Amino acid sequence: MLDFIARPMGVMVKFIYDILKFIDNPVISAYAMAIIVAGVLLKLVLLPLTKKQTDSMKDMQKLQPELEKLKKKYKNDKDTLNRKTMELYQEHKINPMGGCLPLLIQFPILIGFFYVLRDPVKYAFESQAVYDAMNKSFLWIKDLGFAANHILEDGVVNGLNIGVALPFIGQALPILAFIAGLTTYYQSKMMQSGQSGGNDQAASTQNTMTKIMPIMIFFFSLSFPAGLTLYWTVSNTFQIVQQYFALNKGMKIREAK
């Protein structure tokens, strides 16, 4: 269904892989580096939309004092609170859902990446033999095409080491899936701090999603190809760094005023 997205992404991954092939090594393969570079390039392409998201967060931060006043004034009248909140947004020309656009656009891109990493022979590499012969390692992960959907002792599934063995537990910890969940949580918390305000129901829903999404990403990562989890982690990390500097810069400007 999303072949029209997956195919150009597959071409991009193959192109980057061919460029980086000469520095392929057992620790971080050219395939892993191609996924990382592709993830960064996609974030750069989405930078204008991400800037709108960050600007929306900063605008919401500016309105926090006014929103708090409305919450206190209409704490017993939820309908009026919602109406006054929307009027305040309209007055300042703020779209409270403006920060969602980059996430909505990133979702089909993520699905496209899933297609590529689930079936790399179809979308990126010329034959199964070429793909099978490739080094697909990344640090402790022996094959980024493998899904860590079973955690067995010593982290070995079908002969592939998918985790770091912890002797005091006796099982392997899927480190990359954990990092993906952690970065999802931290990014969501940053967005929440920038967009909080308005009615209690919306804030409660946002808080619930902040807690649920990292857990979902963690368990999804156990079934997804590890390469997709690597992409998600890189994408989250890039977004966290960008939001950190953008929001801190906005706060310093307001403090200077």
C-alpha atoms as a PDB file:
ATOM      1  CA  MET A   1       0.000   0.000   0.000  1.00  0.00           C
ATOM      2  CA  LEU A   2       2.868   2.373   0.802  1.00  0.00           C
ATOM      3  CA  ASP A   3       5.181   1.099  -1.925  1.00  0.00           C
ATOM      4  CA  PHE A   4       5.363   4.612  -3.374  1.00  0.00           C
ATOM      5  CA  ILE A   5       7.053   5.707  -0.115  1.00  0.00           C
ATOM      6  CA  ALA A   6       9.049   2.541   0.516  1.00  0.00           C
ATOM      7  CA  ARG A   7      10.685   2.350  -2.913  1.00  0.00           C
ATOM      8  CA  PRO A   8      12.417   5.774  -2.882  1.00  0.00           C
ATOM      9  CA  MET A   9      13.440   5.160   0.713  1.00  0.00           C
ATOM     10  CA  GLY A  10      14.907   1.816  -0.304  1.00  0.00           C
ATOM     11  CA  VAL A  11      16.834   3.512  -3.102  1.00  0.00           C
ATOM     12  CA  MET A  12      18.148   6.064  -0.593  1.00  0.00           C
ATOM     13  CA  VAL A  13      19.285   3.372   1.860  1.00  0.00           C
ATOM     14  CA  LYS A  14      21.040   1.449  -0.936  1.00  0.00           C
ATOM     15  CA  PHE A  15      22.709   4.633  -2.236  1.00  0.00           C
ATOM     16  CA  ILE A  16      24.021   5.545   1.220  1.00  0.00           C
ATOM     17  CA  TYR A  17      25.096   1.943   1.825  1.00  0.00           C
ATOM     18  CA  ASP A  18      27.130   1.906  -1.402  1.00  0.00           C
ATOM     19  CA  ILE A  19      28.893   5.122  -0.354  1.00  0.00           C
ATOM     20  CA  LEU A  20      29.717   3.810   3.126  1.00  0.00           C
ATOM     21  CA  LYS A  21      30.553   0.247   2.112  1.00  0.00           C
ATOM     22  CA  PHE A  22      34.300   0.889   2.209  1.00  0.00           C
ATOM     23  CA  ILE A  23      34.195   1.571   5.983  1.00  0.00           C
ATOM     24  CA  ASP A  24      32.155  -1.531   6.795  1.00  0.00           C
ATOM     25  CA  ASN A  25      33.405  -3.226   9.968  1.00  0.00           C
ATOM     26  CA  PRO A  26      32.290  -5.942  12.432  1.00  0.00           C
ATOM     27  CA  VAL A  27      31.270  -3.423  15.122  1.00  0.00           C
ATOM     28  CA  ILE A  28      29.149  -0.978  13.127  1.00  0.00           C
ATOM     29  CA  SER A  29      28.269  -2.214   9.665  1.00  0.00           C
ATOM     30  CA  ALA A  30      27.803  -0.029   6.609  1.00  0.00           C
ATOM     31  CA  TYR A  31      24.166  -1.157   6.682  1.00  0.00           C
ATOM     32  CA  ALA A  32      23.723   0.224  10.214  1.00  0.00           C
ATOM     33  CA  MET A  33      25.443   3.463   9.239  1.00  0.00           C
ATOM     34  CA  ALA A  34      23.183   3.734   6.179  1.00  0.00           C
ATOM     35  CA  ILE A  35      20.118   3.474   8.430  1.00  0.00           C
ATOM     36  CA  ILE A  36      21.518   6.117  10.807  1.00  0.00           C
ATOM     37  CA  VAL A  37      22.441   8.519   7.993  1.00  0.00           C
ATOM     38  CA  ALA A  38      19.070   7.985   6.292  1.00  0.00           C
ATOM     39  CA  GLY A  39      17.321   8.756   9.585  1.00  0.00           C
ATOM     40  CA  VAL A  40      19.267  11.999  10.024  1.00  0.00           C
ATOM     41  CA  LEU A  41      18.647  13.038   6.402  1.00  0.00           C
ATOM     42  CA  LEU A  42      14.916  12.461   6.790  1.00  0.00           C
ATOM     43  CA  LYS A  43      14.872  14.602   9.937  1.00  0.00           C
ATOM     44  CA  LEU A  44      16.682  17.352   8.020  1.00  0.00           C
ATOM     45  CA  VAL A  45      14.102  17.135   5.226  1.00  0.00           C
ATOM     46  CA  LEU A  46      11.343  17.458   7.828  1.00  0.00           C
ATOM     47  CA  LEU A  47      13.142  20.333   9.548  1.00  0.00           C
ATOM     48  CA  PRO A  48      10.772  23.078   8.295  1.00  0.00           C
ATOM     49  CA  LEU A  49       7.769  21.179   9.657  1.00  0.00           C
ATOM     50  CA  THR A  50       9.600  20.356  12.866  1.00  0.00           C
ATOM     51  CA  LYS A  51      10.377  24.057  13.282  1.00  0.00           C
ATOM     52  CA  LYS A  52       6.657  24.783  13.074  1.00  0.00           C
ATOM     53  CA  GLN A  53       6.097  22.180  15.773  1.00  0.00           C
ATOM     54  CA  THR A  54       8.749  23.759  18.007  1.00  0.00           C
ATOM     55  CA  ASP A  55       7.389  27.257  17.361  1.00  0.00           C
ATOM     56  CA  SER A  56       3.944  25.998  18.337  1.00  0.00           C
ATOM     57  CA  MET A  57       5.388  24.637  21.587  1.00  0.00           C
ATOM     58  CA  LYS A  58       7.057  27.970  22.350  1.00  0.00           C
ATOM     59  CA  ASP A  59       3.827  29.858  21.607  1.00  0.00           C
ATOM     60  CA  MET A  60       1.990  27.554  23.997  1.00  0.00           C
ATOM     61  CA  GLN A  61       4.610  28.245  26.659  1.00  0.00           C
ATOM     62  CA  LYS A  62       3.997  31.975  26.313  1.00  0.00           C
ATOM     63  CA  LEU A  63       0.292  31.440  26.948  1.00  0.00           C
ATOM     64  CA  GLN A  64       0.777  29.377  30.104  1.00  0.00           C
ATOM     65  CA  PRO A  65       0.105  32.289  32.519  1.00  0.00           C
ATOM     66  CA  GLU A  66      -3.120  33.182  30.689  1.00  0.00           C
ATOM     67  CA  LEU A  67      -4.200  29.551  30.531  1.00  0.00           C
ATOM     68  CA  GLU A  68      -3.612  29.134  34.253  1.00  0.00           C
ATOM     69  CA  LYS A  69      -5.752  32.203  34.941  1.00  0.00           C
ATOM     70  CA  LEU A  70      -8.569  30.733  32.879  1.00  0.00           C
ATOM     71  CA  LYS A  71      -8.301  27.402  34.700  1.00  0.00           C
ATOM     72  CA  LYS A  72      -8.623  29.129  38.067  1.00  0.00           C
ATOM     73  CA  LYS A  73     -11.424  31.428  36.946  1.00  0.00           C
ATOM     74  CA  TYR A  74     -13.554  28.722  35.313  1.00  0.00           C
ATOM     75  CA  LYS A  75     -12.473  25.680  37.337  1.00  0.00           C
ATOM     76  CA  ASN A  76     -16.107  24.762  37.991  1.00  0.00           C
ATOM     77  CA  ASP A  77     -17.335  25.433  34.456  1.00  0.00           C
ATOM     78  CA  LYS A  78     -15.586  23.133  31.986  1.00  0.00           C
ATOM     79  CA  ASP A  79     -17.616  24.230  28.954  1.00  0.00           C
ATOM     80  CA  THR A  80     -16.796  27.897  29.479  1.00  0.00           C
ATOM     81  CA  LEU A  81     -13.162  26.999  30.157  1.00  0.00           C
ATOM     82  CA  ASN A  82     -12.922  25.145  26.850  1.00  0.00           C
ATOM     83  CA  ARG A  83     -14.608  27.994  24.978  1.00  0.00           C
ATOM     84  CA  LYS A  84     -12.410  30.677  26.550  1.00  0.00           C
ATOM     85  CA  THR A  85      -9.312  28.580  25.907  1.00  0.00           C
ATOM     86  CA  MET A  86     -10.154  28.277  22.209  1.00  0.00           C
ATOM     87  CA  GLU A  87     -10.871  32.020  22.055  1.00  0.00           C
ATOM     88  CA  LEU A  88      -7.448  32.676  23.562  1.00  0.00           C
ATOM     89  CA  TYR A  89      -5.823  30.429  20.962  1.00  0.00           C
ATOM     90  CA  GLN A  90      -7.681  32.213  18.164  1.00  0.00           C
ATOM     91  CA  GLU A  91      -6.760  35.630  19.539  1.00  0.00           C
ATOM     92  CA  HIS A  92      -3.070  34.739  19.448  1.00  0.00           C
ATOM     93  CA  LYS A  93      -3.438  32.767  16.183  1.00  0.00           C
ATOM     94  CA  ILE A  94      -2.256  29.525  17.763  1.00  0.00           C
ATOM     95  CA  ASN A  95      -3.336  26.104  16.577  1.00  0.00           C
ATOM     96  CA  PRO A  96      -3.160  23.764  19.601  1.00  0.00           C
ATOM     97  CA  MET A  97      -2.857  20.832  17.192  1.00  0.00           C
ATOM     98  CA  GLY A  98      -0.089  22.505  15.181  1.00  0.00           C
ATOM     99  CA  GLY A  99       2.558  20.347  16.807  1.00  0.00           C
ATOM    100  CA  CYS A 100       0.940  17.148  15.511  1.00  0.00           C
ATOM    101  CA  LEU A 101       1.647  17.687  11.795  1.00  0.00           C
ATOM    102  CA  PRO A 102       5.277  16.482  11.807  1.00  0.00           C
ATOM    103  CA  LEU A 103       4.217  13.398  13.765  1.00  0.00           C
ATOM    104  CA  LEU A 104       1.451  12.637  11.243  1.00  0.00           C
ATOM    105  CA  ILE A 105       3.900  13.022   8.355  1.00  0.00           C
ATOM    106  CA  GLN A 106       6.563  10.940  10.091  1.00  0.00           C
ATOM    107  CA  PHE A 107       4.168   8.025  10.574  1.00  0.00           C
ATOM    108  CA  PRO A 108       3.907   6.983   6.880  1.00  0.00           C
ATOM    109  CA  ILE A 109       7.681   7.512   6.607  1.00  0.00           C
ATOM    110  CA  LEU A 110       8.132   5.122   9.531  1.00  0.00           C
ATOM    111  CA  ILE A 111       5.836   2.609   7.836  1.00  0.00           C
ATOM    112  CA  GLY A 112       7.817   3.056   4.617  1.00  0.00           C
ATOM    113  CA  PHE A 113      11.023   2.333   6.533  1.00  0.00           C
ATOM    114  CA  PHE A 114       9.348  -0.726   8.043  1.00  0.00           C
ATOM    115  CA  TYR A 115       8.596  -1.987   4.529  1.00  0.00           C
ATOM    116  CA  VAL A 116      12.217  -1.444   3.456  1.00  0.00           C
ATOM    117  CA  LEU A 117      13.723  -3.163   6.495  1.00  0.00           C
ATOM    118  CA  ARG A 118      11.161  -5.974   6.483  1.00  0.00           C
ATOM    119  CA  ASP A 119      11.780  -6.735   2.801  1.00  0.00           C
ATOM    120  CA  PRO A 120      15.144  -5.136   1.904  1.00  0.00           C
ATOM    121  CA  VAL A 121      15.636  -7.360  -1.136  1.00  0.00           C
ATOM    122  CA  LYS A 122      12.452  -6.017  -2.727  1.00  0.00           C
ATOM    123  CA  TYR A 123      13.047  -2.351  -1.968  1.00  0.00           C
ATOM    124  CA  ALA A 124      16.807  -1.822  -1.651  1.00  0.00           C
ATOM    125  CA  PHE A 125      19.116  -4.670  -2.642  1.00  0.00           C
ATOM    126  CA  GLU A 126      19.318  -6.497  -5.944  1.00  0.00           C
ATOM    127  CA  SER A 127      19.128 -10.092  -4.709  1.00  0.00           C
ATOM    128  CA  GLN A 128      18.638 -12.267  -1.654  1.00  0.00           C
ATOM    129  CA  ALA A 129      22.181 -13.582  -2.011  1.00  0.00           C
ATOM    130  CA  VAL A 130      23.634 -10.064  -1.888  1.00  0.00           C
ATOM    131  CA  TYR A 131      21.575  -9.182   1.175  1.00  0.00           C
ATOM    132  CA  ASP A 132      22.378 -12.430   3.002  1.00  0.00           C
ATOM    133  CA  ALA A 133      26.097 -11.902   2.423  1.00  0.00           C
ATOM    134  CA  MET A 134      26.025  -8.377   3.871  1.00  0.00           C
ATOM    135  CA  ASN A 135      27.349  -7.519   7.294  1.00  0.00           C
ATOM    136  CA  LYS A 136      24.340  -6.194   9.233  1.00  0.00           C
ATOM    137  CA  SER A 137      25.828  -5.838  12.708  1.00  0.00           C
ATOM    138  CA  PHE A 138      25.479  -2.890  15.073  1.00  0.00           C
ATOM    139  CA  LEU A 139      27.448  -3.006  18.324  1.00  0.00           C
ATOM    140  CA  TRP A 140      26.030  -6.028  20.198  1.00  0.00           C
ATOM    141  CA  ILE A 141      23.336  -6.750  17.577  1.00  0.00           C
ATOM    142  CA  LYS A 142      24.484  -9.313  15.036  1.00  0.00           C
ATOM    143  CA  ASP A 143      21.750  -8.732  12.455  1.00  0.00           C
ATOM    144  CA  LEU A 144      19.632  -5.570  12.155  1.00  0.00           C
ATOM    145  CA  GLY A 145      17.177  -7.459   9.982  1.00  0.00           C
ATOM    146  CA  PHE A 146      16.243  -9.680  12.887  1.00  0.00           C
ATOM    147  CA  ALA A 147      13.324  -9.008  15.226  1.00  0.00           C
ATOM    148  CA  ALA A 148      14.006  -9.520  18.915  1.00  0.00           C
ATOM    149  CA  ASN A 149      10.642 -11.115  19.576  1.00  0.00           C
ATOM    150  CA  HIS A 150      12.058 -13.788  21.865  1.00  0.00           C
ATOM    151  CA  ILE A 151      14.348 -13.090  24.791  1.00  0.00           C
ATOM    152  CA  LEU A 152      16.207 -16.255  25.670  1.00  0.00           C
ATOM    153  CA  GLU A 153      19.076 -16.988  27.963  1.00  0.00           C
ATOM    154  CA  ASP A 154      22.288 -15.323  26.787  1.00  0.00           C
ATOM    155  CA  GLY A 155      20.220 -13.404  24.243  1.00  0.00           C
ATOM    156  CA  VAL A 156      20.630 -16.037  21.526  1.00  0.00           C
ATOM    157  CA  VAL A 157      17.700 -16.627  19.199  1.00  0.00           C
ATOM    158  CA  ASN A 158      18.146 -18.761  16.092  1.00  0.00           C
ATOM    159  CA  GLY A 159      21.884 -18.376  16.542  1.00  0.00           C
ATOM    160  CA  LEU A 160      21.790 -14.577  16.644  1.00  0.00           C
ATOM    161  CA  ASN A 161      22.874 -12.553  19.651  1.00  0.00           C
ATOM    162  CA  ILE A 162      20.119  -9.966  20.181  1.00  0.00           C
ATOM    163  CA  GLY A 163      20.980  -8.597  23.572  1.00  0.00           C
ATOM    164  CA  VAL A 164      23.522  -8.139  26.322  1.00  0.00           C
ATOM    165  CA  ALA A 165      23.687 -11.068  28.723  1.00  0.00           C
ATOM    166  CA  LEU A 166      23.211 -10.099  32.359  1.00  0.00           C
ATOM    167  CA  PRO A 167      24.521 -12.924  34.587  1.00  0.00           C
ATOM    168  CA  PHE A 168      22.580 -11.784  37.659  1.00  0.00           C
ATOM    169  CA  ILE A 169      19.313 -11.979  35.718  1.00  0.00           C
ATOM    170  CA  GLY A 170      20.116 -14.933  33.503  1.00  0.00           C
ATOM    171  CA  GLN A 171      18.459 -13.327  30.474  1.00  0.00           C
ATOM    172  CA  ALA A 172      19.411 -10.864  27.780  1.00  0.00           C
ATOM    173  CA  LEU A 173      18.133  -7.339  27.990  1.00  0.00           C
ATOM    174  CA  PRO A 174      16.939  -5.931  24.640  1.00  0.00           C
ATOM    175  CA  ILE A 175      18.920  -2.737  25.080  1.00  0.00           C
ATOM    176  CA  LEU A 176      17.958  -1.082  21.789  1.00  0.00           C
ATOM    177  CA  ALA A 177      14.222  -1.573  22.399  1.00  0.00           C
ATOM    178  CA  PHE A 178      14.649  -0.088  25.873  1.00  0.00           C
ATOM    179  CA  ILE A 179      16.519   2.940  24.480  1.00  0.00           C
ATOM    180  CA  ALA A 180      13.805   3.417  21.845  1.00  0.00           C
ATOM    181  CA  GLY A 181      11.156   3.474  24.578  1.00  0.00           C
ATOM    182  CA  LEU A 182      13.230   5.788  26.762  1.00  0.00           C
ATOM    183  CA  THR A 183      13.866   8.322  23.992  1.00  0.00           C
ATOM    184  CA  THR A 184      10.162   8.218  23.080  1.00  0.00           C
ATOM    185  CA  TYR A 185       9.273   9.024  26.689  1.00  0.00           C
ATOM    186  CA  TYR A 186      11.786  11.858  26.968  1.00  0.00           C
ATOM    187  CA  GLN A 187      10.707  13.408  23.673  1.00  0.00           C
ATOM    188  CA  SER A 188       7.046  13.189  24.714  1.00  0.00           C
ATOM    189  CA  LYS A 189       7.830  14.831  28.059  1.00  0.00           C
ATOM    190  CA  MET A 190       9.573  17.702  26.273  1.00  0.00           C
ATOM    191  CA  MET A 191       6.551  18.197  24.037  1.00  0.00           C
ATOM    192  CA  GLN A 192       4.229  17.973  27.031  1.00  0.00           C
ATOM    193  CA  SER A 193       6.148  20.667  28.911  1.00  0.00           C
ATOM    194  CA  GLY A 194       5.912  22.911  25.888  1.00  0.00           C
ATOM    195  CA  GLN A 195       2.246  22.304  25.114  1.00  0.00           C
ATOM    196  CA  SER A 196       0.673  21.789  28.538  1.00  0.00           C
ATOM    197  CA  GLY A 197      -2.199  24.009  29.477  1.00  0.00           C
ATOM    198  CA  GLY A 198      -5.878  24.354  28.685  1.00  0.00           C
ATOM    199  CA  ASN A 199      -8.450  22.022  30.158  1.00  0.00           C
ATOM    200  CA  ASP A 200      -7.645  19.267  32.599  1.00  0.00           C
ATOM    201  CA  GLN A 201      -9.097  16.560  30.356  1.00  0.00           C
ATOM    202  CA  ALA A 202      -6.714  17.379  27.495  1.00  0.00           C
ATOM    203  CA  ALA A 203      -3.771  17.543  29.900  1.00  0.00           C
ATOM    204  CA  SER A 204      -4.779  14.198  31.411  1.00  0.00           C
ATOM    205  CA  THR A 205      -5.050  12.586  27.968  1.00  0.00           C
ATOM    206  CA  GLN A 206      -1.648  13.945  26.978  1.00  0.00           C
ATOM    207  CA  ASN A 207      -0.117  12.693  30.214  1.00  0.00           C
ATOM    208  CA  THR A 208      -1.606   9.238  29.649  1.00  0.00           C
ATOM    209  CA  MET A 209      -0.220   9.078  26.104  1.00  0.00           C
ATOM    210  CA  THR A 210       3.196  10.154  27.390  1.00  0.00           C
ATOM    211  CA  LYS A 211       3.198   7.111  29.661  1.00  0.00           C
ATOM    212  CA  ILE A 212       1.656   4.622  27.237  1.00  0.00           C
ATOM    213  CA  MET A 213       3.571   5.417  24.031  1.00  0.00           C
ATOM    214  CA  PRO A 214       7.051   4.452  25.342  1.00  0.00           C
ATOM    215  CA  ILE A 215       5.685   1.115  26.552  1.00  0.00           C
ATOM    216  CA  MET A 216       4.044   0.488  23.178  1.00  0.00           C
ATOM    217  CA  ILE A 217       7.253   1.408  21.332  1.00  0.00           C
ATOM    218  CA  PHE A 218       9.258  -0.932  23.579  1.00  0.00           C
ATOM    219  CA  PHE A 219       7.033  -3.936  22.866  1.00  0.00           C
ATOM    220  CA  PHE A 220       6.665  -3.072  19.172  1.00  0.00           C
ATOM    221  CA  SER A 221      10.460  -2.916  18.973  1.00  0.00           C
ATOM    222  CA  LEU A 222      10.642  -6.534  20.099  1.00  0.00           C
ATOM    223  CA  SER A 223       8.722  -7.538  16.959  1.00  0.00           C
ATOM    224  CA  PHE A 224      10.083  -5.006  14.457  1.00  0.00           C
ATOM    225  CA  PRO A 225      13.359  -5.510  12.597  1.00  0.00           C
ATOM    226  CA  ALA A 226      16.124  -4.112  14.792  1.00  0.00           C
ATOM    227  CA  GLY A 227      17.059  -1.725  11.979  1.00  0.00           C
ATOM    228  CA  LEU A 228      13.680  -0.013  12.310  1.00  0.00           C
ATOM    229  CA  THR A 229      14.211   0.338  16.064  1.00  0.00           C
ATOM    230  CA  LEU A 230      17.622   1.855  15.348  1.00  0.00           C
ATOM    231  CA  TYR A 231      16.015   4.372  12.977  1.00  0.00           C
ATOM    232  CA  TRP A 232      13.351   5.271  15.564  1.00  0.00           C
ATOM    233  CA  THR A 233      16.002   5.804  18.240  1.00  0.00           C
ATOM    234  CA  VAL A 234      18.131   7.999  15.965  1.00  0.00           C
ATOM    235  CA  SER A 235      15.067  10.009  14.946  1.00  0.00           C
ATOM    236  CA  ASN A 236      14.016  10.532  18.572  1.00  0.00           C
ATOM    237  CA  THR A 237      17.520  11.554  19.629  1.00  0.00           C
ATOM    238  CA  PHE A 238      17.761  14.097  16.805  1.00  0.00           C
ATOM    239  CA  GLN A 239      14.359  15.510  17.789  1.00  0.00           C
ATOM    240  CA  ILE A 240      15.288  15.721  21.482  1.00  0.00           C
ATOM    241  CA  VAL A 241      18.480  17.656  20.738  1.00  0.00           C
ATOM    242  CA  GLN A 242      16.651  19.993  18.375  1.00  0.00           C
ATOM    243  CA  GLN A 243      13.825  20.671  20.826  1.00  0.00           C
ATOM    244  CA  TYR A 244      16.258  21.205  23.678  1.00  0.00           C
ATOM    245  CA  PHE A 245      18.167  23.959  21.903  1.00  0.00           C
ATOM    246  CA  ALA A 246      15.076  25.535  20.345  1.00  0.00           C
ATOM    247  CA  LEU A 247      13.110  25.682  23.603  1.00  0.00           C
ATOM    248  CA  ASN A 248      16.079  26.864  25.667  1.00  0.00           C
ATOM    249  CA  LYS A 249      16.781  29.597  23.133  1.00  0.00           C
ATOM    250  CA  GLY A 250      13.160  30.715  23.321  1.00  0.00           C
ATOM    251  CA  MET A 251      13.272  30.804  27.122  1.00  0.00           C
ATOM    252  CA  LYS A 252      16.474  32.902  27.121  1.00  0.00           C
ATOM    253  CA  ILE A 253      14.943  35.402  24.695  1.00  0.00           C
ATOM    254  CA  ARG A 254      11.850  35.786  26.899  1.00  0.00           C
ATOM    255  CA  GLU A 255      14.004  36.184  30.021  1.00  0.00           C
ATOM    256  CA  ALA A 256      16.062  38.893  28.276  1.00  0.00           C
ATOM    257  CA  LYS A 257      12.883  40.791  27.508  1.00  0.00           C
END
